[in-house]
Amino acid sequence: MGLAALRSVLVVHAFAVLTQSVFAGQFLAGADSSVRFHEINGWLILALSATQVGLAAFLLRSGAVSLWLMFGSVFIFLGEGLQIGTGYGRFLNVHIPLGVIVFGALSWQAVALFLRREPSGTKS
């Protein structure tokens, strides 16, 4: 059950990060209202990231996930916190590349987690 929950959170998390680029693109195309959606989605992403860290920490204790996933989740959480700060500060030279890095890291985590076999004796 826990691993399935983490997989679900990770997929929703990655989809929410991907959606950020859509909102940013709409803003750059002239739709000013999309900035508000970009902001709200940014806070949702941070909440999803915190949930991912919590689930990864819980599953780490049972051996269902590896230590790298836990550390990666924490670093993504920190990166997304930095994303919010650089977004409000309009430091786009950091904000945009960091968003690409965060999406790449989340995608990598999702693929690795879906390829991971269940530890014996557990049920997702």
N, C-alpha and C. Protein backbone atom coordinates (compact mmCIF):
# COMPACT_ATOMS: atom_id res chain seq x y z
N MET A 1 0.82 -1.20 0.00
CA MET A 1 0.00 0.00 0.00
C MET A 1 0.86 1.26 0.00
N GLY A 2 1.91 1.29 0.80
CA GLY A 2 2.74 2.47 0.91
C GLY A 2 3.48 2.80 -0.36
N LEU A 3 4.00 1.76 -1.02
CA LEU A 3 4.74 1.99 -2.25
C LEU A 3 3.81 2.49 -3.35
N ALA A 4 2.60 1.98 -3.39
CA ALA A 4 1.62 2.46 -4.38
C ALA A 4 1.28 3.92 -4.11
N ALA A 5 1.17 4.29 -2.85
CA ALA A 5 0.88 5.69 -2.50
C ALA A 5 2.03 6.60 -2.94
N LEU A 6 3.25 6.16 -2.71
CA LEU A 6 4.42 6.96 -3.11
C LEU A 6 4.47 7.09 -4.62
N ARG A 7 4.19 6.00 -5.33
CA ARG A 7 4.18 6.06 -6.79
C ARG A 7 3.13 7.06 -7.27
N SER A 8 1.95 7.03 -6.66
CA SER A 8 0.88 7.94 -7.04
C SER A 8 1.27 9.40 -6.79
N VAL A 9 1.82 9.66 -5.61
CA VAL A 9 2.25 11.02 -5.28
C VAL A 9 3.33 11.49 -6.25
N LEU A 10 4.24 10.60 -6.59
CA LEU A 10 5.34 10.95 -7.49
C LEU A 10 4.82 11.28 -8.89
N VAL A 11 3.85 10.54 -9.38
CA VAL A 11 3.28 10.82 -10.70
C VAL A 11 2.52 12.15 -10.69
N VAL A 12 1.70 12.38 -9.67
CA VAL A 12 0.97 13.64 -9.57
C VAL A 12 1.94 14.80 -9.42
N HIS A 13 2.99 14.61 -8.63
CA HIS A 13 4.02 15.62 -8.42
C HIS A 13 4.68 15.99 -9.76
N ALA A 14 5.10 14.98 -10.52
CA ALA A 14 5.75 15.24 -11.81
C ALA A 14 4.78 15.92 -12.78
N PHE A 15 3.52 15.51 -12.78
CA PHE A 15 2.53 16.13 -13.65
C PHE A 15 2.31 17.59 -13.27
N ALA A 16 2.28 17.88 -11.98
CA ALA A 16 2.09 19.27 -11.52
C ALA A 16 3.28 20.13 -11.94
N VAL A 17 4.49 19.58 -11.87
CA VAL A 17 5.68 20.33 -12.29
C VAL A 17 5.64 20.57 -13.80
N LEU A 18 5.21 19.56 -14.56
CA LEU A 18 5.08 19.73 -16.01
C LEU A 18 4.04 20.80 -16.34
N THR A 19 2.98 20.85 -15.58
CA THR A 19 1.92 21.84 -15.78
C THR A 19 2.45 23.26 -15.58
N GLN A 20 3.45 23.42 -14.70
CA GLN A 20 4.03 24.74 -14.47
C GLN A 20 4.55 25.36 -15.77
N SER A 21 5.15 24.52 -16.61
CA SER A 21 5.68 25.06 -17.87
C SER A 21 4.55 25.53 -18.78
N VAL A 22 3.41 24.87 -18.71
CA VAL A 22 2.26 25.30 -19.51
C VAL A 22 1.79 26.68 -19.05
N PHE A 23 1.65 26.86 -17.73
CA PHE A 23 1.23 28.16 -17.20
C PHE A 23 2.24 29.25 -17.54
N ALA A 24 3.52 28.92 -17.44
CA ALA A 24 4.56 29.90 -17.77
C ALA A 24 4.50 30.26 -19.26
N GLY A 25 4.30 29.26 -20.09
CA GLY A 25 4.19 29.52 -21.53
C GLY A 25 3.00 30.39 -21.88
N GLN A 26 1.87 30.14 -21.19
CA GLN A 26 0.69 30.97 -21.43
C GLN A 26 0.95 32.42 -21.03
N PHE A 27 1.64 32.60 -19.91
CA PHE A 27 1.97 33.95 -19.47
C PHE A 27 2.87 34.65 -20.49
N LEU A 28 3.89 33.94 -20.96
CA LEU A 28 4.80 34.52 -21.94
C LEU A 28 4.08 34.84 -23.26
N ALA A 29 3.00 34.11 -23.54
CA ALA A 29 2.21 34.36 -24.75
C ALA A 29 1.21 35.50 -24.55
N GLY A 30 1.13 36.06 -23.33
CA GLY A 30 0.28 37.22 -23.11
C GLY A 30 -0.92 37.00 -22.22
N ALA A 31 -1.13 35.81 -21.71
CA ALA A 31 -2.28 35.54 -20.82
C ALA A 31 -1.85 35.82 -19.38
N ASP A 32 -2.13 37.04 -18.91
CA ASP A 32 -1.68 37.45 -17.58
C ASP A 32 -2.31 36.63 -16.45
N SER A 33 -3.51 36.11 -16.65
CA SER A 33 -4.19 35.36 -15.58
C SER A 33 -3.48 34.05 -15.23
N SER A 34 -2.68 33.53 -16.14
CA SER A 34 -2.01 32.25 -15.88
C SER A 34 -0.93 32.38 -14.80
N VAL A 35 -0.47 33.60 -14.50
CA VAL A 35 0.53 33.78 -13.45
C VAL A 35 -0.03 33.35 -12.10
N ARG A 36 -1.30 33.65 -11.86
CA ARG A 36 -1.94 33.26 -10.60
C ARG A 36 -2.01 31.73 -10.48
N PHE A 37 -2.35 31.06 -11.59
CA PHE A 37 -2.38 29.59 -11.59
C PHE A 37 -0.99 29.02 -11.37
N HIS A 38 0.01 29.65 -11.96
CA HIS A 38 1.41 29.25 -11.79
C HIS A 38 1.80 29.35 -10.31
N GLU A 39 1.38 30.41 -9.67
CA GLU A 39 1.69 30.61 -8.25
C GLU A 39 1.00 29.56 -7.37
N ILE A 40 -0.29 29.37 -7.57
CA ILE A 40 -1.03 28.39 -6.77
C ILE A 40 -0.47 26.99 -6.98
N ASN A 41 -0.20 26.65 -8.23
CA ASN A 41 0.36 25.33 -8.54
C ASN A 41 1.74 25.15 -7.91
N GLY A 42 2.51 26.24 -7.83
CA GLY A 42 3.83 26.17 -7.18
C GLY A 42 3.71 25.77 -5.71
N TRP A 43 2.74 26.34 -5.02
CA TRP A 43 2.53 25.97 -3.61
C TRP A 43 2.00 24.54 -3.48
N LEU A 44 1.15 24.12 -4.42
CA LEU A 44 0.67 22.74 -4.44
C LEU A 44 1.84 21.77 -4.64
N ILE A 45 2.75 22.14 -5.52
CA ILE A 45 3.92 21.31 -5.79
C ILE A 45 4.77 21.17 -4.52
N LEU A 46 4.93 22.24 -3.78
CA LEU A 46 5.71 22.16 -2.54
C LEU A 46 5.03 21.23 -1.54
N ALA A 47 3.71 21.27 -1.47
CA ALA A 47 2.97 20.37 -0.58
C ALA A 47 3.12 18.91 -1.04
N LEU A 48 3.05 18.68 -2.34
CA LEU A 48 3.26 17.33 -2.86
C LEU A 48 4.68 16.85 -2.56
N SER A 49 5.63 17.75 -2.66
CA SER A 49 7.02 17.40 -2.37
C SER A 49 7.19 17.01 -0.91
N ALA A 50 6.56 17.76 0.00
CA ALA A 50 6.63 17.42 1.42
C ALA A 50 5.98 16.07 1.68
N THR A 51 4.87 15.79 1.02
CA THR A 51 4.21 14.49 1.14
C THR A 51 5.12 13.38 0.64
N GLN A 52 5.80 13.63 -0.47
CA GLN A 52 6.73 12.64 -1.02
C GLN A 52 7.85 12.35 -0.04
N VAL A 53 8.39 13.39 0.58
CA VAL A 53 9.47 13.20 1.57
C VAL A 53 8.96 12.37 2.74
N GLY A 54 7.77 12.68 3.22
CA GLY A 54 7.20 11.94 4.34
C GLY A 54 6.98 10.47 4.02
N LEU A 55 6.41 10.20 2.85
CA LEU A 55 6.20 8.80 2.45
C LEU A 55 7.52 8.07 2.24
N ALA A 56 8.48 8.74 1.62
CA ALA A 56 9.78 8.11 1.40
C ALA A 56 10.46 7.79 2.73
N ALA A 57 10.35 8.68 3.70
CA ALA A 57 10.95 8.44 5.02
C ALA A 57 10.27 7.25 5.70
N PHE A 58 8.95 7.18 5.59
CA PHE A 58 8.21 6.07 6.19
C PHE A 58 8.60 4.75 5.53
N LEU A 59 8.67 4.73 4.20
CA LEU A 59 8.99 3.50 3.47
C LEU A 59 10.46 3.12 3.58
N LEU A 60 11.31 4.10 3.84
CA LEU A 60 12.73 3.80 4.03
C LEU A 60 12.93 2.92 5.26
N ARG A 61 12.17 3.18 6.30
CA ARG A 61 12.28 2.41 7.54
C ARG A 61 11.91 0.94 7.31
N SER A 62 10.99 0.68 6.38
CA SER A 62 10.58 -0.70 6.12
C SER A 62 11.43 -1.35 5.04
N GLY A 63 12.31 -0.59 4.42
CA GLY A 63 13.16 -1.12 3.36
C GLY A 63 12.51 -1.15 1.99
N ALA A 64 11.33 -0.54 1.86
CA ALA A 64 10.62 -0.56 0.58
C ALA A 64 11.23 0.38 -0.45
N VAL A 65 11.96 1.40 0.02
CA VAL A 65 12.65 2.31 -0.90
C VAL A 65 14.10 2.44 -0.44
N SER A 66 14.92 2.91 -1.35
CA SER A 66 16.34 3.04 -1.04
C SER A 66 16.64 4.43 -0.46
N LEU A 67 17.81 4.53 0.11
CA LEU A 67 18.25 5.78 0.72
C LEU A 67 18.38 6.89 -0.33
N TRP A 68 18.78 6.53 -1.55
CA TRP A 68 18.93 7.56 -2.59
C TRP A 68 17.61 8.24 -2.89
N LEU A 69 16.50 7.48 -2.84
CA LEU A 69 15.20 8.08 -3.10
C LEU A 69 14.84 9.09 -2.01
N MET A 70 15.19 8.73 -0.77
CA MET A 70 14.93 9.65 0.34
C MET A 70 15.73 10.94 0.17
N PHE A 71 17.03 10.80 -0.08
CA PHE A 71 17.87 11.98 -0.27
C PHE A 71 17.43 12.79 -1.49
N GLY A 72 17.10 12.10 -2.58
CA GLY A 72 16.63 12.79 -3.77
C GLY A 72 15.36 13.57 -3.51
N SER A 73 14.44 12.98 -2.74
CA SER A 73 13.19 13.65 -2.41
C SER A 73 13.44 14.90 -1.58
N VAL A 74 14.38 14.82 -0.64
CA VAL A 74 14.71 15.98 0.19
C VAL A 74 15.33 17.08 -0.67
N PHE A 75 16.23 16.71 -1.56
CA PHE A 75 16.86 17.72 -2.42
C PHE A 75 15.86 18.35 -3.38
N ILE A 76 14.91 17.57 -3.88
CA ILE A 76 13.87 18.13 -4.74
C ILE A 76 13.01 19.10 -3.93
N PHE A 77 12.67 18.73 -2.70
CA PHE A 77 11.90 19.62 -1.83
C PHE A 77 12.63 20.95 -1.64
N LEU A 78 13.93 20.88 -1.37
CA LEU A 78 14.72 22.10 -1.19
C LEU A 78 14.78 22.91 -2.49
N GLY A 79 14.93 22.22 -3.61
CA GLY A 79 14.96 22.89 -4.91
C GLY A 79 13.64 23.58 -5.21
N GLU A 80 12.53 22.94 -4.84
CA GLU A 80 11.24 23.56 -5.09
C GLU A 80 10.99 24.74 -4.16
N GLY A 81 11.52 24.68 -2.96
CA GLY A 81 11.47 25.86 -2.09
C GLY A 81 12.24 27.01 -2.70
N LEU A 82 13.40 26.70 -3.26
CA LEU A 82 14.19 27.71 -3.96
C LEU A 82 13.45 28.23 -5.19
N GLN A 83 12.72 27.35 -5.85
CA GLN A 83 11.92 27.75 -7.00
C GLN A 83 10.90 28.83 -6.62
N ILE A 84 10.25 28.65 -5.49
CA ILE A 84 9.26 29.64 -5.06
C ILE A 84 9.94 30.98 -4.79
N GLY A 85 11.08 30.94 -4.11
CA GLY A 85 11.80 32.17 -3.82
C GLY A 85 12.29 32.88 -5.07
N THR A 86 12.85 32.12 -6.01
CA THR A 86 13.35 32.73 -7.24
C THR A 86 12.21 33.18 -8.15
N GLY A 87 11.06 32.53 -8.04
CA GLY A 87 9.89 32.96 -8.81
C GLY A 87 9.37 34.30 -8.33
N TYR A 88 9.19 34.41 -7.01
CA TYR A 88 8.72 35.69 -6.46
C TYR A 88 9.76 36.80 -6.68
N GLY A 89 11.04 36.43 -6.61
CA GLY A 89 12.10 37.42 -6.82
C GLY A 89 12.37 37.71 -8.30
N ARG A 90 11.72 36.95 -9.17
CA ARG A 90 11.87 37.09 -10.62
C ARG A 90 13.33 36.88 -11.07
N PHE A 91 13.99 35.93 -10.43
CA PHE A 91 15.34 35.55 -10.84
C PHE A 91 15.22 34.42 -11.86
N LEU A 92 14.82 34.79 -13.06
CA LEU A 92 14.50 33.78 -14.07
C LEU A 92 15.73 33.02 -14.56
N ASN A 93 16.92 33.61 -14.39
CA ASN A 93 18.14 32.89 -14.77
C ASN A 93 18.37 31.66 -13.90
N VAL A 94 17.77 31.63 -12.72
CA VAL A 94 17.83 30.47 -11.83
C VAL A 94 16.52 29.69 -11.92
N HIS A 95 15.42 30.41 -11.92
CA HIS A 95 14.09 29.80 -11.85
C HIS A 95 13.81 28.82 -12.99
N ILE A 96 14.11 29.21 -14.20
CA ILE A 96 13.78 28.37 -15.36
C ILE A 96 14.67 27.13 -15.43
N PRO A 97 15.99 27.25 -15.36
CA PRO A 97 16.81 26.02 -15.42
C PRO A 97 16.56 25.09 -14.23
N LEU A 98 16.31 25.66 -13.06
CA LEU A 98 16.03 24.83 -11.89
C LEU A 98 14.73 24.05 -12.08
N GLY A 99 13.75 24.66 -12.71
CA GLY A 99 12.51 23.95 -13.00
C GLY A 99 12.73 22.76 -13.92
N VAL A 100 13.59 22.93 -14.90
CA VAL A 100 13.92 21.82 -15.81
C VAL A 100 14.65 20.71 -15.05
N ILE A 101 15.57 21.09 -14.18
CA ILE A 101 16.30 20.10 -13.39
C ILE A 101 15.36 19.34 -12.46
N VAL A 102 14.44 20.06 -11.81
CA VAL A 102 13.48 19.42 -10.90
C VAL A 102 12.61 18.43 -11.67
N PHE A 103 12.12 18.84 -12.85
CA PHE A 103 11.29 17.93 -13.62
C PHE A 103 12.08 16.69 -14.05
N GLY A 104 13.31 16.88 -14.46
CA GLY A 104 14.15 15.74 -14.85
C GLY A 104 14.40 14.80 -13.68
N ALA A 105 14.67 15.36 -12.51
CA ALA A 105 14.91 14.53 -11.33
C ALA A 105 13.66 13.76 -10.93
N LEU A 106 12.51 14.41 -10.99
CA LEU A 106 11.24 13.72 -10.66
C LEU A 106 10.95 12.61 -11.66
N SER A 107 11.18 12.87 -12.92
CA SER A 107 10.95 11.85 -13.94
C SER A 107 11.85 10.65 -13.71
N TRP A 108 13.09 10.92 -13.39
CA TRP A 108 14.05 9.84 -13.12
C TRP A 108 13.61 9.03 -11.91
N GLN A 109 13.17 9.72 -10.85
CA GLN A 109 12.69 9.02 -9.67
C GLN A 109 11.47 8.16 -9.99
N ALA A 110 10.55 8.69 -10.75
CA ALA A 110 9.33 7.94 -11.09
C ALA A 110 9.66 6.68 -11.87
N VAL A 111 10.51 6.81 -12.88
CA VAL A 111 10.90 5.64 -13.66
C VAL A 111 11.58 4.60 -12.77
N ALA A 112 12.52 5.05 -11.95
CA ALA A 112 13.23 4.13 -11.08
C ALA A 112 12.29 3.45 -10.08
N LEU A 113 11.34 4.19 -9.55
CA LEU A 113 10.42 3.62 -8.57
C LEU A 113 9.46 2.62 -9.21
N PHE A 114 9.04 2.89 -10.44
CA PHE A 114 8.16 1.94 -11.11
C PHE A 114 8.91 0.69 -11.56
N LEU A 115 10.20 0.81 -11.81
CA LEU A 115 10.99 -0.37 -12.18
C LEU A 115 11.43 -1.19 -10.97
N ARG A 116 11.35 -0.60 -9.80
CA ARG A 116 11.78 -1.27 -8.57
C ARG A 116 10.84 -2.43 -8.24
N ARG A 117 11.44 -3.53 -7.88
CA ARG A 117 10.65 -4.70 -7.47
C ARG A 117 10.23 -4.55 -6.04
N GLU A 118 9.10 -5.14 -5.73
CA GLU A 118 8.60 -5.14 -4.35
C GLU A 118 9.54 -5.95 -3.48
N PRO A 119 9.87 -5.43 -2.27
CA PRO A 119 10.62 -6.26 -1.33
C PRO A 119 9.77 -7.47 -0.94
N SER A 120 10.41 -8.59 -0.73
CA SER A 120 9.64 -9.79 -0.39
C SER A 120 8.91 -9.58 0.94
N GLY A 121 7.67 -10.03 0.96
CA GLY A 121 6.87 -9.92 2.17
C GLY A 121 6.08 -8.64 2.26
N THR A 122 6.19 -7.74 1.28
CA THR A 122 5.40 -6.50 1.32
C THR A 122 4.43 -6.52 0.15
N LYS A 123 3.43 -5.73 0.27
CA LYS A 123 2.41 -5.63 -0.77
C LYS A 123 2.14 -4.17 -1.05
N SER A 124 2.22 -3.77 -2.32
CA SER A 124 1.94 -2.37 -2.64
C SER A 124 0.48 -2.24 -2.83
